[in-house]
Amino acid sequence: MDSAVEQMVEKVRTEIARYEHPLFDFSARPAKEGVEVLIDFKPQGVEVHRYVFLLRPQEIENKQFAWSFQRQLYDCLHDYVIEMFTLNPQRDDT
């Protein structure tokens, strides 16, 4: 991993460390086009997929990164929780 990618990943991990939630774990890893943020459901015994979203270099390098990251994290958490529905009117297979 080159130093620019390492710096971006570390910046995202530093920002993630500011967030703690009783139901979700957050992590970051390098990706081909930036940094992937991973959201995992903490409770054991429930089969739920991992949610992943991509942060591109221009987003991470932006002066307003902390604010834009928070907005994107909250939006993605909303989407993730909605995706957890096992039944809803749009998913009704009958």
Protein backbone atom coordinates (compact mmCIF):
# COMPACT_ATOMS: atom_id res chain seq x y z
CA MET A 1 0.00 0.00 0.00
CA ASP A 2 1.53 3.34 -0.98
CA SER A 3 1.86 6.17 1.51
CA ALA A 4 -0.93 8.30 0.00
CA VAL A 5 -3.39 5.42 0.39
CA GLU A 6 -2.11 4.70 3.90
CA GLN A 7 -2.67 8.35 4.85
CA MET A 8 -6.22 8.32 3.48
CA VAL A 9 -7.07 5.09 5.30
CA GLU A 10 -5.61 6.46 8.52
CA LYS A 11 -7.57 9.71 8.16
CA VAL A 12 -10.81 7.75 7.71
CA ARG A 13 -9.99 5.44 10.65
CA THR A 14 -9.31 8.49 12.82
CA GLU A 15 -12.70 9.91 11.90
CA ILE A 16 -14.44 6.56 12.45
CA ALA A 17 -12.92 6.39 15.94
CA ARG A 18 -15.07 9.39 16.87
CA TYR A 19 -18.21 7.24 16.46
CA GLU A 20 -19.46 4.44 18.69
CA HIS A 21 -22.79 2.66 18.45
CA PRO A 22 -24.23 -0.24 20.47
CA LEU A 23 -25.46 -2.06 17.35
CA PHE A 24 -22.77 -1.37 14.73
CA ASP A 25 -19.02 -1.67 14.31
CA PHE A 26 -17.22 0.61 11.87
CA SER A 27 -13.93 0.00 10.08
CA ALA A 28 -12.04 1.11 6.99
CA ARG A 29 -9.85 -0.56 4.41
CA PRO A 30 -8.05 0.49 1.25
CA ALA A 31 -9.95 0.14 -1.99
CA LYS A 32 -8.99 0.50 -5.63
CA GLU A 33 -10.68 3.89 -5.92
CA GLY A 34 -10.26 5.24 -2.37
CA VAL A 35 -11.22 3.91 1.05
CA GLU A 36 -14.08 1.57 1.86
CA VAL A 37 -15.99 2.09 5.09
CA LEU A 38 -17.48 -1.10 6.50
CA ILE A 39 -20.49 -1.25 8.79
CA ASP A 40 -21.07 -4.54 10.61
CA PHE A 41 -24.02 -5.50 12.80
CA LYS A 42 -22.70 -6.34 16.30
CA PRO A 43 -25.33 -8.66 17.80
CA GLN A 44 -24.45 -12.33 17.35
CA GLY A 45 -26.89 -14.90 16.04
CA VAL A 46 -28.57 -12.63 13.49
CA GLU A 47 -27.63 -13.08 9.83
CA VAL A 48 -27.20 -9.57 8.44
CA HIS A 49 -24.99 -8.55 5.55
CA ARG A 50 -22.07 -6.13 5.85
CA TYR A 51 -22.70 -2.64 4.50
CA VAL A 52 -19.83 -1.07 2.56
CA PHE A 53 -19.53 2.39 1.07
CA LEU A 54 -16.70 4.04 -0.82
CA LEU A 55 -15.02 7.32 -0.02
CA ARG A 56 -13.09 8.74 -2.94
CA PRO A 57 -9.83 10.67 -2.47
CA GLN A 58 -11.43 14.05 -3.23
CA GLU A 59 -13.99 13.44 -0.45
CA ILE A 60 -11.32 12.49 2.08
CA GLU A 61 -9.07 15.44 1.17
CA ASN A 62 -11.92 17.97 1.34
CA LYS A 63 -11.66 20.59 4.11
CA GLN A 64 -15.19 19.69 5.19
CA PHE A 65 -14.43 15.95 5.43
CA ALA A 66 -15.58 15.56 9.04
CA TRP A 67 -19.01 17.02 8.24
CA SER A 68 -19.47 15.25 4.93
CA PHE A 69 -18.33 11.96 6.49
CA GLN A 70 -20.92 12.29 9.26
CA ARG A 71 -23.69 12.99 6.76
CA GLN A 72 -22.66 10.04 4.59
CA LEU A 73 -22.31 7.69 7.58
CA TYR A 74 -25.76 8.62 8.89
CA ASP A 75 -27.30 8.26 5.41
CA CYS A 76 -25.68 4.85 4.99
CA LEU A 77 -26.81 3.71 8.44
CA HIS A 78 -30.35 4.68 7.48
CA ASP A 79 -30.07 2.71 4.24
CA TYR A 80 -28.55 -0.26 6.06
CA VAL A 81 -31.33 -0.41 8.64
CA ILE A 82 -33.95 -0.20 5.87
CA GLU A 83 -32.20 -3.04 4.01
CA MET A 84 -32.53 -5.20 7.15
CA PHE A 85 -36.31 -5.48 6.77
CA THR A 86 -37.19 -9.10 6.10
CA LEU A 87 -40.66 -8.13 4.90
CA ASN A 88 -42.09 -4.87 3.67
CA PRO A 89 -44.68 -3.90 1.00
CA GLN A 90 -41.99 -3.46 -1.65
CA ARG A 91 -40.48 -6.85 -0.84
CA ASP A 92 -43.71 -8.82 -0.62
CA ASP A 93 -43.12 -11.88 -2.80
CA THR A 94 -46.77 -12.93 -2.87
